[in-house]
PDB file of N, CA and C in Angstrom:
ATOM      1  N   MET A   1     200.082 359.221 102.433  1.00  0.00           N
ATOM      2  CA  MET A   1     199.022 358.111 102.880  1.00  0.00           C
ATOM      3  C   MET A   1     198.431 359.256 103.520  1.00  0.00           C
ATOM      4  N   GLY A   2     197.005 358.797 104.104  1.00  0.00           N
ATOM      5  CA  GLY A   2     196.141 359.528 104.850  1.00  0.00           C
ATOM      6  C   GLY A   2     196.603 358.996 106.430  1.00  0.00           C
ATOM      7  N   SER A   3     195.683 359.231 107.209  1.00  0.00           N
ATOM      8  CA  SER A   3     195.942 358.755 108.644  1.00  0.00           C
ATOM      9  C   SER A   3     195.667 357.311 109.090  1.00  0.00           C
ATOM     10  N   GLY A   4     196.212 356.964 110.017  1.00  0.00           N
ATOM     11  CA  GLY A   4     196.195 355.783 110.391  1.00  0.00           C
ATOM     12  C   GLY A   4     194.472 355.638 111.025  1.00  0.00           C
ATOM     13  N   LEU A   5     194.065 354.236 110.393  1.00  0.00           N
ATOM     14  CA  LEU A   5     192.935 353.317 111.012  1.00  0.00           C
ATOM     15  C   LEU A   5     192.725 352.876 112.369  1.00  0.00           C
ATOM     16  N   VAL A   6     192.090 352.364 112.750  1.00  0.00           N
ATOM     17  CA  VAL A   6     192.199 351.577 113.807  1.00  0.00           C
ATOM     18  C   VAL A   6     192.182 350.382 113.462  1.00  0.00           C
ATOM     19  N   GLY A   7     193.230 349.369 113.932  1.00  0.00           N
ATOM     20  CA  GLY A   7     193.158 347.992 113.354  1.00  0.00           C
ATOM     21  C   GLY A   7     193.876 347.835 112.105  1.00  0.00           C
ATOM     22  N   GLY A   8     194.675 349.337 111.694  1.00  0.00           N
ATOM     23  CA  GLY A   8     195.609 349.170 110.557  1.00  0.00           C
ATOM     24  C   GLY A   8     195.233 349.652 109.283  1.00  0.00           C
ATOM     25  N   GLY A   9     196.431 350.314 108.296  1.00  0.00           N
ATOM     26  CA  GLY A   9     195.933 350.494 106.961  1.00  0.00           C
ATOM     27  C   GLY A   9     195.296 352.072 107.361  1.00  0.00           C
ATOM     28  N   THR A  10     195.508 352.520 106.426  1.00  0.00           N
ATOM     29  CA  THR A  10     195.278 354.133 106.125  1.00  0.00           C
ATOM     30  C   THR A  10     194.076 354.570 105.587  1.00  0.00           C
ATOM     31  N   TYR A  11     193.291 355.467 105.396  1.00  0.00           N
ATOM     32  CA  TYR A  11     192.101 356.222 104.427  1.00  0.00           C
ATOM     33  C   TYR A  11     192.960 356.110 103.106  1.00  0.00           C
ATOM     34  N   GLY A  12     193.967 356.306 102.583  1.00  0.00           N
ATOM     35  CA  GLY A  12     195.065 356.580 101.591  1.00  0.00           C
ATOM     36  C   GLY A  12     195.261 355.109 100.687  1.00  0.00           C
ATOM     37  N   ASP A  13     195.212 354.046 101.517  1.00  0.00           N
ATOM     38  CA  ASP A  13     195.564 352.655 100.884  1.00  0.00           C
ATOM     39  C   ASP A  13     194.450 352.370 100.080  1.00  0.00           C
ATOM     40  N   PRO A  14     194.693 351.739  98.898  1.00  0.00           N
ATOM     41  CA  PRO A  14     193.638 350.910  97.937  1.00  0.00           C
ATOM     42  C   PRO A  14     192.727 350.286  98.817  1.00  0.00           C
ATOM     43  N   PRO A  15     191.529 349.961  98.209  1.00  0.00           N
ATOM     44  CA  PRO A  15     191.104 348.862  98.437  1.00  0.00           C
ATOM     45  C   PRO A  15     191.248 347.452  98.428  1.00  0.00           C
ATOM     46  N   PRO A  16     191.104 346.493  99.401  1.00  0.00           N
ATOM     47  CA  PRO A  16     191.825 345.243  99.131  1.00  0.00           C
ATOM     48  C   PRO A  16     191.243 344.785  97.783  1.00  0.00           C
ATOM     49  N   GLU A  17     191.789 343.593  97.531  1.00  0.00           N
ATOM     50  CA  GLU A  17     190.971 342.836  96.106  1.00  0.00           C
ATOM     51  C   GLU A  17     190.016 342.082  96.695  1.00  0.00           C
ATOM     52  N   LEU A  18     188.703 342.188  95.922  1.00  0.00           N
ATOM     53  CA  LEU A  18     187.613 341.408  96.214  1.00  0.00           C
ATOM     54  C   LEU A  18     187.924 340.028  95.756  1.00  0.00           C
ATOM     55  N   PRO A  19     187.326 338.898  96.181  1.00  0.00           N
ATOM     56  CA  PRO A  19     187.307 337.817  95.958  1.00  0.00           C
ATOM     57  C   PRO A  19     186.365 337.542  94.878  1.00  0.00           C
ATOM     58  N   ASN A  20     186.543 336.406  94.131  1.00  0.00           N
ATOM     59  CA  ASN A  20     185.839 336.161  92.757  1.00  0.00           C
ATOM     60  C   ASN A  20     184.834 335.174  93.193  1.00  0.00           C
ATOM     61  N   PHE A  21     183.791 335.648  93.926  1.00  0.00           N
ATOM     62  CA  PHE A  21     182.550 334.843  94.234  1.00  0.00           C
ATOM     63  C   PHE A  21     181.625 333.944  92.897  1.00  0.00           C
ATOM     64  N   VAL A  22     181.037 332.813  93.379  1.00  0.00           N
ATOM     65  CA  VAL A  22     180.794 331.977  92.634  1.00  0.00           C
ATOM     66  C   VAL A  22     179.310 332.542  92.222  1.00  0.00           C
ATOM     67  N   GLU A  23     178.646 332.248  91.322  1.00  0.00           N
ATOM     68  CA  GLU A  23     177.450 332.600  91.595  1.00  0.00           C
ATOM     69  C   GLU A  23     176.328 332.104  92.872  1.00  0.00           C
ATOM     70  N   GLY A  24     175.896 332.996  93.410  1.00  0.00           N
ATOM     71  CA  GLY A  24     175.151 332.717  94.744  1.00  0.00           C
ATOM     72  C   GLY A  24     176.108 332.630  95.804  1.00  0.00           C
ATOM     73  N   GLY A  25     177.449 333.067  95.438  1.00  0.00           N
ATOM     74  CA  GLY A  25     178.112 332.488  96.892  1.00  0.00           C
ATOM     75  C   GLY A  25     178.992 333.802  97.581  1.00  0.00           C
ATOM     76  N   GLY A  26     178.101 335.274  96.922  1.00  0.00           N
ATOM     77  CA  GLY A  26     178.692 336.233  97.780  1.00  0.00           C
ATOM     78  C   GLY A  26     178.350 336.593  99.108  1.00  0.00           C
ATOM     79  N   PRO A  27     178.766 337.688  99.398  1.00  0.00           N
ATOM     80  CA  PRO A  27     178.256 338.173 100.857  1.00  0.00           C
ATOM     81  C   PRO A  27     176.873 338.010 101.017  1.00  0.00           C
ATOM     82  N   GLN A  28     176.784 337.923 102.024  1.00  0.00           N
ATOM     83  CA  GLN A  28     175.194 337.548 103.032  1.00  0.00           C
ATOM     84  C   GLN A  28     174.727 339.298 103.003  1.00  0.00           C
ATOM     85  N   PRO A  29     173.452 339.439 102.994  1.00  0.00           N
ATOM     86  CA  PRO A  29     172.933 340.626 102.784  1.00  0.00           C
ATOM     87  C   PRO A  29     173.348 341.338 104.326  1.00  0.00           C
ATOM     88  N   SER A  30     173.488 340.811 105.172  1.00  0.00           N
ATOM     89  CA  SER A  30     173.734 341.539 106.408  1.00  0.00           C
ATOM     90  C   SER A  30     174.972 341.957 106.574  1.00  0.00           C
ATOM     91  N   ARG A  31     175.985 341.731 105.844  1.00  0.00           N
ATOM     92  CA  ARG A  31     177.301 342.127 105.862  1.00  0.00           C
ATOM     93  C   ARG A  31     177.466 342.987 104.182  1.00  0.00           C
ATOM     94  N   VAL A  32     176.833 343.256 103.615  1.00  0.00           N
ATOM     95  CA  VAL A  32     177.106 344.016 102.332  1.00  0.00           C
ATOM     96  C   VAL A  32     177.633 345.254 102.765  1.00  0.00           C
ATOM     97  N   ALA A  33     179.198 345.538 101.727  1.00  0.00           N
ATOM     98  CA  ALA A  33     179.728 346.924 102.037  1.00  0.00           C
ATOM     99  C   ALA A  33     180.253 346.789 103.505  1.00  0.00           C
ATOM    100  N   GLY A  34     180.277 345.830 104.280  1.00  0.00           N
ATOM    101  CA  GLY A  34     181.128 345.982 105.653  1.00  0.00           C
ATOM    102  C   GLY A  34     180.220 346.624 106.659  1.00  0.00           C
ATOM    103  N   ARG A  35     178.525 346.727 106.301  1.00  0.00           N
ATOM    104  CA  ARG A  35     177.909 346.980 107.431  1.00  0.00           C
ATOM    105  C   ARG A  35     176.708 346.359 107.677  1.00  0.00           C
ATOM    106  N   LEU A  36     176.470 346.306 108.938  1.00  0.00           N
ATOM    107  CA  LEU A  36     175.865 345.018 109.646  1.00  0.00           C
ATOM    108  C   LEU A  36     174.326 345.889 109.704  1.00  0.00           C
ATOM    109  N   ARG A  37     173.127 345.237 109.396  1.00  0.00           N
ATOM    110  CA  ARG A  37     171.841 345.609 109.493  1.00  0.00           C
ATOM    111  C   ARG A  37     171.591 345.114 111.087  1.00  0.00           C
ATOM    112  N   CYS A  38     170.761 345.748 111.548  1.00  0.00           N
ATOM    113  CA  CYS A  38     170.463 345.431 112.724  1.00  0.00           C
ATOM    114  C   CYS A  38     169.970 344.243 112.845  1.00  0.00           C
ATOM    115  N   GLY A  39     169.000 344.111 112.181  1.00  0.00           N
ATOM    116  CA  GLY A  39     168.289 342.579 112.427  1.00  0.00           C
ATOM    117  C   GLY A  39     169.017 341.215 112.341  1.00  0.00           C
ATOM    118  N   GLY A  40     169.376 340.313 112.900  1.00  0.00           N
ATOM    119  CA  GLY A  40     170.273 339.265 112.994  1.00  0.00           C
ATOM    120  C   GLY A  40     171.298 339.570 113.724  1.00  0.00           C
ATOM    121  N   VAL A  41     171.569 340.747 114.513  1.00  0.00           N
ATOM    122  CA  VAL A  41     172.987 341.385 114.879  1.00  0.00           C
ATOM    123  C   VAL A  41     173.242 340.082 116.004  1.00  0.00           C
ATOM    124  N   ALA A  42     172.345 339.491 116.602  1.00  0.00           N
ATOM    125  CA  ALA A  42     173.138 338.642 117.949  1.00  0.00           C
ATOM    126  C   ALA A  42     173.569 337.713 116.903  1.00  0.00           C
ATOM    127  N   ASP A  43     173.165 337.233 115.769  1.00  0.00           N
ATOM    128  CA  ASP A  43     173.260 336.037 115.104  1.00  0.00           C
ATOM    129  C   ASP A  43     174.942 336.208 114.368  1.00  0.00           C
ATOM    130  N   SER A  44     175.512 337.036 114.652  1.00  0.00           N
ATOM    131  CA  SER A  44     176.476 337.523 113.265  1.00  0.00           C
ATOM    132  C   SER A  44     177.758 337.834 113.907  1.00  0.00           C
ATOM    133  N   ALA A  45     178.079 337.348 115.310  1.00  0.00           N
ATOM    134  CA  ALA A  45     179.619 337.581 115.735  1.00  0.00           C
ATOM    135  C   ALA A  45     180.283 336.805 114.952  1.00  0.00           C
ATOM    136  N   PRO A  46     181.805 336.928 114.844  1.00  0.00           N
ATOM    137  CA  PRO A  46     182.236 338.375 114.982  1.00  0.00           C
ATOM    138  C   PRO A  46     181.829 339.413 114.500  1.00  0.00           C
ATOM    139  N   TYR A  47     182.158 340.606 114.912  1.00  0.00           N
ATOM    140  CA  TYR A  47     181.729 341.956 114.371  1.00  0.00           C
ATOM    141  C   TYR A  47     182.636 342.571 113.684  1.00  0.00           C
ATOM    142  N   LEU A  48     182.419 343.812 113.187  1.00  0.00           N
ATOM    143  CA  LEU A  48     182.960 344.679 111.884  1.00  0.00           C
ATOM    144  C   LEU A  48     183.337 343.842 110.668  1.00  0.00           C
ATOM    145  N   HIS A  49     183.675 344.895 109.812  1.00  0.00           N
ATOM    146  CA  HIS A  49     183.998 344.330 108.291  1.00  0.00           C
ATOM    147  C   HIS A  49     184.953 343.145 108.650  1.00  0.00           C
ATOM    148  N   ASP A  50     185.618 343.419 109.298  1.00  0.00           N
ATOM    149  CA  ASP A  50     187.255 342.199 109.497  1.00  0.00           C
ATOM    150  C   ASP A  50     186.922 341.133 110.637  1.00  0.00           C
ATOM    151  N   GLY A  51     186.171 341.479 111.207  1.00  0.00           N
ATOM    152  CA  GLY A  51     185.719 340.318 112.481  1.00  0.00           C
ATOM    153  C   GLY A  51     186.486 340.455 113.407  1.00  0.00           C
ATOM    154  N   ARG A  52     186.863 341.739 113.733  1.00  0.00           N
ATOM    155  CA  ARG A  52     187.718 341.786 115.182  1.00  0.00           C
ATOM    156  C   ARG A  52     187.387 341.918 116.325  1.00  0.00           C
ATOM    157  N   ALA A  53     186.178 342.436 115.910  1.00  0.00           N
ATOM    158  CA  ALA A  53     185.453 342.597 117.351  1.00  0.00           C
ATOM    159  C   ALA A  53     184.666 341.222 117.634  1.00  0.00           C
ATOM    160  N   ALA A  54     184.855 340.673 118.732  1.00  0.00           N
ATOM    161  CA  ALA A  54     184.454 339.241 119.097  1.00  0.00           C
ATOM    162  C   ALA A  54     182.875 339.480 120.136  1.00  0.00           C
ATOM    163  N   THR A  55     182.344 340.616 120.430  1.00  0.00           N
ATOM    164  CA  THR A  55     181.400 341.049 121.207  1.00  0.00           C
ATOM    165  C   THR A  55     180.667 342.705 120.541  1.00  0.00           C
ATOM    166  N   LEU A  56     179.649 342.486 120.692  1.00  0.00           N
ATOM    167  CA  LEU A  56     178.782 343.737 120.483  1.00  0.00           C
ATOM    168  C   LEU A  56     179.722 345.032 121.264  1.00  0.00           C
ATOM    169  N   GLU A  57     179.948 344.674 122.648  1.00  0.00           N
ATOM    170  CA  GLU A  57     180.363 345.721 123.357  1.00  0.00           C
ATOM    171  C   GLU A  57     181.562 346.358 122.472  1.00  0.00           C
ATOM    172  N   ASP A  58     182.580 345.156 122.022  1.00  0.00           N
ATOM    173  CA  ASP A  58     183.963 345.204 121.441  1.00  0.00           C
ATOM    174  C   ASP A  58     183.951 346.356 120.172  1.00  0.00           C
ATOM    175  N   ALA A  59     182.541 346.043 119.345  1.00  0.00           N
ATOM    176  CA  ALA A  59     182.391 346.533 118.249  1.00  0.00           C
ATOM    177  C   ALA A  59     182.410 348.108 118.215  1.00  0.00           C
ATOM    178  N   ILE A  60     181.039 348.384 119.209  1.00  0.00           N
ATOM    179  CA  ILE A  60     180.822 349.579 119.642  1.00  0.00           C
ATOM    180  C   ILE A  60     182.080 350.553 120.081  1.00  0.00           C
ATOM    181  N   LYS A  61     182.902 349.979 120.868  1.00  0.00           N
ATOM    182  CA  LYS A  61     184.072 350.669 121.338  1.00  0.00           C
ATOM    183  C   LYS A  61     185.140 350.933 120.452  1.00  0.00           C
ATOM    184  N   LEU A  62     185.364 349.993 119.117  1.00  0.00           N
ATOM    185  CA  LEU A  62     186.206 350.261 118.428  1.00  0.00           C
ATOM    186  C   LEU A  62     185.575 351.366 117.385  1.00  0.00           C
ATOM    187  N   HIS A  63     184.812 351.508 116.949  1.00  0.00           N
ATOM    188  CA  HIS A  63     184.354 352.633 116.234  1.00  0.00           C
ATOM    189  C   HIS A  63     184.992 353.794 116.158  1.00  0.00           C
ATOM    190  N   ALA A  64     185.599 354.310 115.061  1.00  0.00           N
ATOM    191  CA  ALA A  64     186.004 355.725 115.115  1.00  0.00           C
ATOM    192  C   ALA A  64     185.659 356.441 113.671  1.00  0.00           C
ATOM    193  N   GLY A  65     186.029 357.034 113.192  1.00  0.00           N
ATOM    194  CA  GLY A  65     185.729 358.094 111.964  1.00  0.00           C
ATOM    195  C   GLY A  65     184.421 358.950 112.304  1.00  0.00           C
ATOM    196  N   GLN A  66     183.666 358.368 111.846  1.00  0.00           N
ATOM    197  CA  GLN A  66     182.350 359.323 111.259  1.00  0.00           C
ATOM    198  C   GLN A  66     181.387 358.381 112.526  1.00  0.00           C
ATOM    199  N   ALA A  67     181.847 357.252 113.375  1.00  0.00           N
ATOM    200  CA  ALA A  67     180.916 356.674 114.404  1.00  0.00           C
ATOM    201  C   ALA A  67     181.668 356.994 115.952  1.00  0.00           C
ATOM    202  N   THR A  68     182.541 358.058 115.765  1.00  0.00           N
ATOM    203  CA  THR A  68     183.471 358.160 117.061  1.00  0.00           C
ATOM    204  C   THR A  68     182.346 359.048 118.288  1.00  0.00           C
ATOM    205  N   LYS A  69     181.622 359.835 117.757  1.00  0.00           N
ATOM    206  CA  LYS A  69     180.408 360.372 118.497  1.00  0.00           C
ATOM    207  C   LYS A  69     179.427 359.521 119.381  1.00  0.00           C
ATOM    208  N   SER A  70     179.340 358.298 118.246  1.00  0.00           N
ATOM    209  CA  SER A  70     178.362 357.162 118.867  1.00  0.00           C
ATOM    210  C   SER A  70     179.028 356.263 120.021  1.00  0.00           C
ATOM    211  N   ALA A  71     180.395 356.012 119.646  1.00  0.00           N
ATOM    212  CA  ALA A  71     181.033 355.221 120.583  1.00  0.00           C
ATOM    213  C   ALA A  71     181.541 356.123 121.992  1.00  0.00           C
ATOM    214  N   GLN A  72     181.658 357.296 121.958  1.00  0.00           N
ATOM    215  CA  GLN A  72     181.586 358.191 122.976  1.00  0.00           C
ATOM    216  C   GLN A  72     180.473 358.280 123.783  1.00  0.00           C
ATOM    217  N   ARG A  73     179.577 358.021 123.344  1.00  0.00           N
ATOM    218  CA  ARG A  73     178.201 358.060 123.967  1.00  0.00           C
ATOM    219  C   ARG A  73     177.984 356.863 124.818  1.00  0.00           C
ATOM    220  N   PHE A  74     178.421 355.596 123.904  1.00  0.00           N
ATOM    221  CA  PHE A  74     178.114 354.569 124.827  1.00  0.00           C
ATOM    222  C   PHE A  74     179.151 354.621 126.193  1.00  0.00           C
ATOM    223  N   ALA A  75     180.547 354.706 125.866  1.00  0.00           N
ATOM    224  CA  ALA A  75     181.079 355.104 126.768  1.00  0.00           C
ATOM    225  C   ALA A  75     180.565 356.002 127.915  1.00  0.00           C
ATOM    226  N   GLU A  76     179.792 356.822 127.744  1.00  0.00           N
ATOM    227  CA  GLU A  76     179.616 357.839 128.966  1.00  0.00           C
ATOM    228  C   GLU A  76     178.600 357.093 129.601  1.00  0.00           C
ATOM    229  N   LEU A  77     177.522 356.106 129.070  1.00  0.00           N
ATOM    230  CA  LEU A  77     176.469 355.789 129.446  1.00  0.00           C
ATOM    231  C   LEU A  77     176.439 354.901 130.894  1.00  0.00           C
ATOM    232  N   GLU A  78     175.567 354.728 131.937  1.00  0.00           N
ATOM    233  CA  GLU A  78     175.945 353.842 133.068  1.00  0.00           C
ATOM    234  C   GLU A  78     176.191 352.737 133.236  1.00  0.00           C
ATOM    235  N   PRO A  79     176.833 351.941 133.641  1.00  0.00           N
ATOM    236  CA  PRO A  79     177.214 350.569 133.299  1.00  0.00           C
ATOM    237  C   PRO A  79     175.715 349.903 133.201  1.00  0.00           C
ATOM    238  N   LEU A  80     174.720 350.068 134.035  1.00  0.00           N
ATOM    239  CA  LEU A  80     173.329 349.225 133.649  1.00  0.00           C
ATOM    240  C   LEU A  80     172.943 349.446 132.353  1.00  0.00           C
ATOM    241  N   GLN A  81     172.831 350.756 131.949  1.00  0.00           N
ATOM    242  CA  GLN A  81     172.577 351.214 130.382  1.00  0.00           C
ATOM    243  C   GLN A  81     172.939 350.280 129.415  1.00  0.00           C
ATOM    244  N   ARG A  82     174.645 350.319 129.653  1.00  0.00           N
ATOM    245  CA  ARG A  82     175.387 349.665 128.492  1.00  0.00           C
ATOM    246  C   ARG A  82     174.999 347.906 128.668  1.00  0.00           C
ATOM    247  N   ILE A  83     174.789 347.440 129.516  1.00  0.00           N
ATOM    248  CA  ILE A  83     174.367 345.932 129.894  1.00  0.00           C
ATOM    249  C   ILE A  83     172.938 346.233 129.196  1.00  0.00           C
ATOM    250  N   GLU A  84     172.027 346.845 129.632  1.00  0.00           N
ATOM    251  CA  GLU A  84     170.525 346.974 129.052  1.00  0.00           C
ATOM    252  C   GLU A  84     170.517 346.874 127.493  1.00  0.00           C
ATOM    253  N   LEU A  85     171.572 347.905 126.839  1.00  0.00           N
ATOM    254  CA  LEU A  85     171.632 348.197 125.457  1.00  0.00           C
ATOM    255  C   LEU A  85     171.996 347.114 124.662  1.00  0.00           C
ATOM    256  N   ILE A  86     172.933 346.486 125.394  1.00  0.00           N
ATOM    257  CA  ILE A  86     174.131 344.927 124.627  1.00  0.00           C
ATOM    258  C   ILE A  86     172.636 344.134 124.909  1.00  0.00           C
ATOM    259  N   ALA A  87     172.000 344.049 125.975  1.00  0.00           N
ATOM    260  CA  ALA A  87     170.769 342.919 126.184  1.00  0.00           C
ATOM    261  C   ALA A  87     169.640 343.450 124.832  1.00  0.00           C
ATOM    262  N   PHE A  88     169.447 344.399 124.559  1.00  0.00           N
ATOM    263  CA  PHE A  88     168.341 344.574 123.552  1.00  0.00           C
ATOM    264  C   PHE A  88     168.815 344.455 122.723  1.00  0.00           C
ATOM    265  N   LEU A  89     170.216 344.550 121.937  1.00  0.00           N
ATOM    266  CA  LEU A  89     170.708 344.346 120.899  1.00  0.00           C
ATOM    267  C   LEU A  89     171.031 342.754 120.607  1.00  0.00           C
ATOM    268  N   ASN A  90     171.083 342.035 121.466  1.00  0.00           N
ATOM    269  CA  ASN A  90     170.884 340.412 121.522  1.00  0.00           C
ATOM    270  C   ASN A  90     169.577 339.689 121.217  1.00  0.00           C
ATOM    271  N   THR A  91     168.588 340.829 121.199  1.00  0.00           N
ATOM    272  CA  THR A  91     167.539 340.263 120.830  1.00  0.00           C
ATOM    273  C   THR A  91     167.006 340.465 119.535  1.00  0.00           C
ATOM    274  N   LEU A  92     167.670 340.965 118.866  1.00  0.00           N
ATOM    275  CA  LEU A  92     167.785 341.431 117.408  1.00  0.00           C
ATOM    276  C   LEU A  92     168.201 340.031 116.467  1.00  0.00           C
ATOM    277  N   ARG A  93     167.365 338.809 116.399  1.00  0.00           N
ATOM    278  CA  ARG A  93     167.880 337.729 115.856  1.00  0.00           C
ATOM    279  C   ARG A  93     167.309 337.620 114.203  1.00  0.00           C
ATOM    280  N   ALA A  94     168.060 336.993 113.405  1.00  0.00           N
ATOM    281  CA  ALA A  94     167.616 336.828 111.871  1.00  0.00           C
ATOM    282  C   ALA A  94     166.434 336.245 111.738  1.00  0.00           C
ATOM    283  N   PRO A  95     165.500 336.816 110.996  1.00  0.00           N
ATOM    284  CA  PRO A  95     164.280 336.055 110.487  1.00  0.00           C
ATOM    285  C   PRO A  95     164.675 334.677 110.180  1.00  0.00           C
TER     286      PRO A  95
END
């Protein structure tokens, strides 16, 4: 199997079974394929594809893999810069 992932599982694990959605009852567009569009991010907690991040800051910090550099850059920001970034993200509401 592959290397472990933050939150459990490995890259070598098979994907989970998908639910059988009734027509019109599928995932909302902002969460398609486990990714979150920026528009509406303030209205969509909990965050990440499995909902394990209660806050935007937690979601950023929990990113690994391809987003490791972004999470590291966020951690390197001055505290006020992190606050300002999260405040900006919290202005992005769904239409």
